[in-house]
Amino acid sequence: MEDFEHVPFVTEVMTARYPKLSEPDMEGEYADGKYKTEATADEGYAGRLQEEIQAVLDRHFAGKKNVHAPWKETKEGAIAFNFKSPKKQPLLTDAKGAPLKVGIIIRSGSLIRISGVIAVWEKGVKRGVSLWPDAVRVIKLVGRFDATAAFGPPEEGFDGTDYAPWRDHP
């Protein structure tokens, strides 16, 4: 196998989909023990990123079959790029560049930028490129969904703080 290149990239702001960046993906149908995320972008940037990746594919695999590109179309019609780290956790930082504190979870919908390399590979009859993230900068963190937020501020009424059901029987 020839010595394949690793082409550095830095994305514009993208929207994370199904991120597993704070810990590796160890559960569920797509679990593979890797740090990963899908990410979507506006149509203009998605097209430019596809062109950048396609140029690397063409340089190495022009005219070959079974070539893997690291994107797919979502059911909403957007292009979702797949970023997957082969061995290590990417460095996670806030928008200012400071490392994220332990326990901060990057969730779907968070706005992120990713730096890493377009890695060219070939395994048997399969070949292609992967997007390896080296660092992820969180521009806007989406918090956990809070279903009770819809109720608004606290209301007058029942206060369960000191309630003990065994004391209420006659």
C-alpha atoms as a PDB file:
ATOM      1  CA  MET A   1       0.000   0.000   0.000  1.00  0.00           C
ATOM      2  CA  GLU A   2       1.302   3.414  -0.860  1.00  0.00           C
ATOM      3  CA  ASP A   3       1.857   5.958   1.872  1.00  0.00           C
ATOM      4  CA  PHE A   4      -1.408   7.883   2.024  1.00  0.00           C
ATOM      5  CA  GLU A   5      -1.639  11.490   3.031  1.00  0.00           C
ATOM      6  CA  HIS A   6      -3.479  13.145   5.872  1.00  0.00           C
ATOM      7  CA  VAL A   7      -4.937  16.474   4.752  1.00  0.00           C
ATOM      8  CA  PRO A   8      -5.578  18.942   7.604  1.00  0.00           C
ATOM      9  CA  PHE A   9      -8.975  20.649   7.832  1.00  0.00           C
ATOM     10  CA  VAL A  10     -10.778  23.137  10.069  1.00  0.00           C
ATOM     11  CA  THR A  11     -14.536  23.370   9.657  1.00  0.00           C
ATOM     12  CA  GLU A  12     -16.779  26.373   9.820  1.00  0.00           C
ATOM     13  CA  VAL A  13     -19.539  26.245  12.451  1.00  0.00           C
ATOM     14  CA  MET A  14     -21.581  23.048  12.107  1.00  0.00           C
ATOM     15  CA  THR A  15     -24.466  21.459  14.034  1.00  0.00           C
ATOM     16  CA  ALA A  16     -23.636  18.275  15.948  1.00  0.00           C
ATOM     17  CA  ARG A  17     -25.851  15.205  15.374  1.00  0.00           C
ATOM     18  CA  TYR A  18     -25.642  12.192  17.714  1.00  0.00           C
ATOM     19  CA  PRO A  19     -22.285  13.272  19.184  1.00  0.00           C
ATOM     20  CA  LYS A  20     -20.235  10.840  21.245  1.00  0.00           C
ATOM     21  CA  LEU A  21     -17.344  13.189  21.984  1.00  0.00           C
ATOM     22  CA  SER A  22     -17.260  13.333  25.792  1.00  0.00           C
ATOM     23  CA  GLU A  23     -17.003   9.550  25.988  1.00  0.00           C
ATOM     24  CA  PRO A  24     -16.651   6.816  23.352  1.00  0.00           C
ATOM     25  CA  ASP A  25     -19.736   5.229  21.797  1.00  0.00           C
ATOM     26  CA  MET A  26     -20.141   2.041  23.833  1.00  0.00           C
ATOM     27  CA  GLU A  27     -23.898   1.357  23.707  1.00  0.00           C
ATOM     28  CA  GLY A  28     -26.565   0.856  21.090  1.00  0.00           C
ATOM     29  CA  GLU A  29     -26.813  -0.294  17.501  1.00  0.00           C
ATOM     30  CA  TYR A  30     -23.931   1.842  16.174  1.00  0.00           C
ATOM     31  CA  ALA A  31     -21.562   1.402  19.142  1.00  0.00           C
ATOM     32  CA  ASP A  32     -17.947   0.965  18.031  1.00  0.00           C
ATOM     33  CA  GLY A  33     -15.940   2.293  20.987  1.00  0.00           C
ATOM     34  CA  LYS A  34     -14.944   5.429  19.067  1.00  0.00           C
ATOM     35  CA  TYR A  35     -15.311   9.148  19.654  1.00  0.00           C
ATOM     36  CA  LYS A  36     -17.502  10.503  16.886  1.00  0.00           C
ATOM     37  CA  THR A  37     -20.185  12.856  15.699  1.00  0.00           C
ATOM     38  CA  GLU A  38     -22.162  13.601  12.622  1.00  0.00           C
ATOM     39  CA  ALA A  39     -22.378  17.278  11.758  1.00  0.00           C
ATOM     40  CA  THR A  40     -24.439  19.309   9.307  1.00  0.00           C
ATOM     41  CA  ALA A  41     -23.835  22.777   7.912  1.00  0.00           C
ATOM     42  CA  ASP A  42     -25.613  25.303   5.736  1.00  0.00           C
ATOM     43  CA  GLU A  43     -25.852  24.273   2.088  1.00  0.00           C
ATOM     44  CA  GLY A  44     -23.042  26.570   0.911  1.00  0.00           C
ATOM     45  CA  TYR A  45     -20.452  25.319   3.384  1.00  0.00           C
ATOM     46  CA  ALA A  46     -21.586  21.684   3.046  1.00  0.00           C
ATOM     47  CA  GLY A  47     -20.933  21.919  -0.704  1.00  0.00           C
ATOM     48  CA  ARG A  48     -17.475  23.442  -0.200  1.00  0.00           C
ATOM     49  CA  LEU A  49     -16.511  20.772   2.336  1.00  0.00           C
ATOM     50  CA  GLN A  50     -17.736  18.017  -0.002  1.00  0.00           C
ATOM     51  CA  GLU A  51     -15.589  19.494  -2.797  1.00  0.00           C
ATOM     52  CA  GLU A  52     -12.530  19.594  -0.525  1.00  0.00           C
ATOM     53  CA  ILE A  53     -13.024  15.930   0.446  1.00  0.00           C
ATOM     54  CA  GLN A  54     -13.844  14.885  -3.134  1.00  0.00           C
ATOM     55  CA  ALA A  55     -10.563  16.422  -4.348  1.00  0.00           C
ATOM     56  CA  VAL A  56      -8.661  14.109  -1.975  1.00  0.00           C
ATOM     57  CA  LEU A  57     -10.740  11.123  -3.132  1.00  0.00           C
ATOM     58  CA  ASP A  58     -10.093  11.969  -6.806  1.00  0.00           C
ATOM     59  CA  ARG A  59      -6.360  12.395  -6.194  1.00  0.00           C
ATOM     60  CA  HIS A  60      -6.073   8.867  -4.764  1.00  0.00           C
ATOM     61  CA  PHE A  61      -8.925   6.840  -6.236  1.00  0.00           C
ATOM     62  CA  ALA A  62      -9.950   8.352  -9.591  1.00  0.00           C
ATOM     63  CA  GLY A  63     -11.803   5.724 -11.634  1.00  0.00           C
ATOM     64  CA  LYS A  64     -11.884   3.124  -8.814  1.00  0.00           C
ATOM     65  CA  LYS A  65     -14.970   1.427  -7.387  1.00  0.00           C
ATOM     66  CA  ASN A  66     -16.057   0.916  -3.767  1.00  0.00           C
ATOM     67  CA  VAL A  67     -14.842   4.349  -2.686  1.00  0.00           C
ATOM     68  CA  HIS A  68     -16.198   5.551   0.661  1.00  0.00           C
ATOM     69  CA  ALA A  69     -16.968   9.230   1.206  1.00  0.00           C
ATOM     70  CA  PRO A  70     -17.623  10.363   4.814  1.00  0.00           C
ATOM     71  CA  TRP A  71     -21.048  11.920   4.313  1.00  0.00           C
ATOM     72  CA  LYS A  72     -24.662  10.933   3.779  1.00  0.00           C
ATOM     73  CA  GLU A  73     -27.924  12.675   3.064  1.00  0.00           C
ATOM     74  CA  THR A  74     -30.270  13.004   6.042  1.00  0.00           C
ATOM     75  CA  LYS A  75     -33.991  12.347   5.738  1.00  0.00           C
ATOM     76  CA  GLU A  76     -34.423  16.149   5.937  1.00  0.00           C
ATOM     77  CA  GLY A  77     -32.258  16.513   2.818  1.00  0.00           C
ATOM     78  CA  ALA A  78     -29.165  17.971   4.484  1.00  0.00           C
ATOM     79  CA  ILE A  79     -25.663  16.537   4.138  1.00  0.00           C
ATOM     80  CA  ALA A  80     -24.349  14.983   7.371  1.00  0.00           C
ATOM     81  CA  PHE A  81     -20.580  14.552   7.583  1.00  0.00           C
ATOM     82  CA  ASN A  82     -19.185  11.727   9.720  1.00  0.00           C
ATOM     83  CA  PHE A  83     -16.261  12.602  11.983  1.00  0.00           C
ATOM     84  CA  LYS A  84     -14.779   9.593  13.776  1.00  0.00           C
ATOM     85  CA  SER A  85     -11.571   9.338  15.793  1.00  0.00           C
ATOM     86  CA  PRO A  86      -9.697   6.082  15.254  1.00  0.00           C
ATOM     87  CA  LYS A  87      -7.977   5.896  18.648  1.00  0.00           C
ATOM     88  CA  LYS A  88      -8.083   8.986  20.817  1.00  0.00           C
ATOM     89  CA  GLN A  89     -10.542  11.462  22.261  1.00  0.00           C
ATOM     90  CA  PRO A  90     -10.418  14.797  20.453  1.00  0.00           C
ATOM     91  CA  LEU A  91      -9.472  17.799  22.563  1.00  0.00           C
ATOM     92  CA  LEU A  92     -12.760  19.464  23.584  1.00  0.00           C
ATOM     93  CA  THR A  93     -12.727  23.223  24.140  1.00  0.00           C
ATOM     94  CA  ASP A  94     -15.157  26.055  24.679  1.00  0.00           C
ATOM     95  CA  ALA A  95     -15.503  28.941  22.218  1.00  0.00           C
ATOM     96  CA  LYS A  96     -12.547  30.737  23.881  1.00  0.00           C
ATOM     97  CA  GLY A  97     -10.255  27.696  23.473  1.00  0.00           C
ATOM     98  CA  ALA A  98     -10.259  26.596  27.132  1.00  0.00           C
ATOM     99  CA  PRO A  99     -10.614  22.831  27.734  1.00  0.00           C
ATOM    100  CA  LEU A 100     -14.145  21.715  28.608  1.00  0.00           C
ATOM    101  CA  LYS A 101     -14.637  20.799  32.249  1.00  0.00           C
ATOM    102  CA  VAL A 102     -15.193  17.118  33.032  1.00  0.00           C
ATOM    103  CA  GLY A 103     -18.891  16.299  32.952  1.00  0.00           C
ATOM    104  CA  ILE A 104     -19.858  18.719  30.182  1.00  0.00           C
ATOM    105  CA  ILE A 105     -21.671  16.682  27.535  1.00  0.00           C
ATOM    106  CA  ILE A 106     -21.864  17.876  23.930  1.00  0.00           C
ATOM    107  CA  ARG A 107     -25.403  17.091  22.772  1.00  0.00           C
ATOM    108  CA  SER A 108     -27.167  17.029  19.415  1.00  0.00           C
ATOM    109  CA  GLY A 109     -27.905  20.544  18.218  1.00  0.00           C
ATOM    110  CA  SER A 110     -24.757  22.041  19.760  1.00  0.00           C
ATOM    111  CA  LEU A 111     -22.839  24.330  17.396  1.00  0.00           C
ATOM    112  CA  ILE A 112     -19.272  23.133  16.936  1.00  0.00           C
ATOM    113  CA  ARG A 113     -16.153  23.566  14.823  1.00  0.00           C
ATOM    114  CA  ILE A 114     -13.837  20.641  14.223  1.00  0.00           C
ATOM    115  CA  SER A 115     -10.164  20.487  13.307  1.00  0.00           C
ATOM    116  CA  GLY A 116      -8.503  17.299  12.200  1.00  0.00           C
ATOM    117  CA  VAL A 117      -7.347  15.431   9.128  1.00  0.00           C
ATOM    118  CA  ILE A 118      -8.917  13.886   6.063  1.00  0.00           C
ATOM    119  CA  ALA A 119      -7.358  10.418   6.322  1.00  0.00           C
ATOM    120  CA  VAL A 120      -7.012   8.311   3.173  1.00  0.00           C
ATOM    121  CA  TRP A 121      -7.326   4.515   3.644  1.00  0.00           C
ATOM    122  CA  GLU A 122      -7.580   1.252   1.734  1.00  0.00           C
ATOM    123  CA  LYS A 123      -8.651  -2.159   3.105  1.00  0.00           C
ATOM    124  CA  GLY A 124      -8.869  -4.932   0.551  1.00  0.00           C
ATOM    125  CA  VAL A 125     -11.351  -3.860  -2.139  1.00  0.00           C
ATOM    126  CA  LYS A 126     -12.690  -0.995  -0.009  1.00  0.00           C
ATOM    127  CA  ARG A 127     -11.075   2.422   0.020  1.00  0.00           C
ATOM    128  CA  GLY A 128     -11.920   5.988   0.856  1.00  0.00           C
ATOM    129  CA  VAL A 129     -11.349   8.777   3.297  1.00  0.00           C
ATOM    130  CA  SER A 130     -12.381   9.367   6.884  1.00  0.00           C
ATOM    131  CA  LEU A 131     -12.613  12.609   8.835  1.00  0.00           C
ATOM    132  CA  TRP A 132     -10.526  12.232  12.004  1.00  0.00           C
ATOM    133  CA  PRO A 133     -11.297  14.932  14.594  1.00  0.00           C
ATOM    134  CA  ASP A 134      -8.296  16.152  16.606  1.00  0.00           C
ATOM    135  CA  ALA A 135     -10.123  18.978  18.382  1.00  0.00           C
ATOM    136  CA  VAL A 136     -13.717  20.161  18.782  1.00  0.00           C
ATOM    137  CA  ARG A 137     -14.538  23.746  19.718  1.00  0.00           C
ATOM    138  CA  VAL A 138     -18.020  24.237  21.191  1.00  0.00           C
ATOM    139  CA  ILE A 139     -19.490  27.504  19.942  1.00  0.00           C
ATOM    140  CA  LYS A 140     -22.942  26.974  21.499  1.00  0.00           C
ATOM    141  CA  LEU A 141     -23.674  24.162  23.944  1.00  0.00           C
ATOM    142  CA  VAL A 142     -27.166  22.702  23.921  1.00  0.00           C
ATOM    143  CA  GLY A 143     -28.258  21.626  27.398  1.00  0.00           C
ATOM    144  CA  ARG A 144     -30.244  18.639  28.441  1.00  0.00           C
ATOM    145  CA  PHE A 145     -33.945  18.801  27.558  1.00  0.00           C
ATOM    146  CA  ASP A 146     -35.972  19.889  30.586  1.00  0.00           C
ATOM    147  CA  ALA A 147     -39.626  18.900  30.175  1.00  0.00           C
ATOM    148  CA  THR A 148     -40.630  20.793  33.336  1.00  0.00           C
ATOM    149  CA  ALA A 149     -39.400  24.131  31.911  1.00  0.00           C
ATOM    150  CA  ALA A 150     -42.704  24.430  30.019  1.00  0.00           C
ATOM    151  CA  PHE A 151     -44.518  25.031  33.340  1.00  0.00           C
ATOM    152  CA  GLY A 152     -42.678  28.318  33.935  1.00  0.00           C
ATOM    153  CA  PRO A 153     -41.816  29.667  37.436  1.00  0.00           C
ATOM    154  CA  PRO A 154     -42.880  27.924  40.696  1.00  0.00           C
ATOM    155  CA  GLU A 155     -46.551  28.157  41.611  1.00  0.00           C
ATOM    156  CA  GLU A 156     -48.545  28.308  44.841  1.00  0.00           C
ATOM    157  CA  GLY A 157     -49.852  24.946  45.984  1.00  0.00           C
ATOM    158  CA  PHE A 158     -48.595  21.560  47.104  1.00  0.00           C
ATOM    159  CA  ASP A 159     -45.035  21.507  48.500  1.00  0.00           C
ATOM    160  CA  GLY A 160     -43.609  18.007  48.720  1.00  0.00           C
ATOM    161  CA  THR A 161     -40.503  19.063  50.668  1.00  0.00           C
ATOM    162  CA  ASP A 162     -41.727  17.881  54.066  1.00  0.00           C
ATOM    163  CA  TYR A 163     -44.457  15.508  52.922  1.00  0.00           C
ATOM    164  CA  ALA A 164     -44.344  12.056  54.492  1.00  0.00           C
ATOM    165  CA  PRO A 165     -47.170   9.791  53.249  1.00  0.00           C
ATOM    166  CA  TRP A 166     -47.076   7.496  56.288  1.00  0.00           C
ATOM    167  CA  ARG A 167     -48.035  10.424  58.573  1.00  0.00           C
ATOM    168  CA  ASP A 168     -51.216  11.282  56.636  1.00  0.00           C
ATOM    169  CA  HIS A 169     -53.267   8.233  57.639  1.00  0.00           C
ATOM    170  CA  PRO A 170     -55.863   8.714  60.421  1.00  0.00           C
END
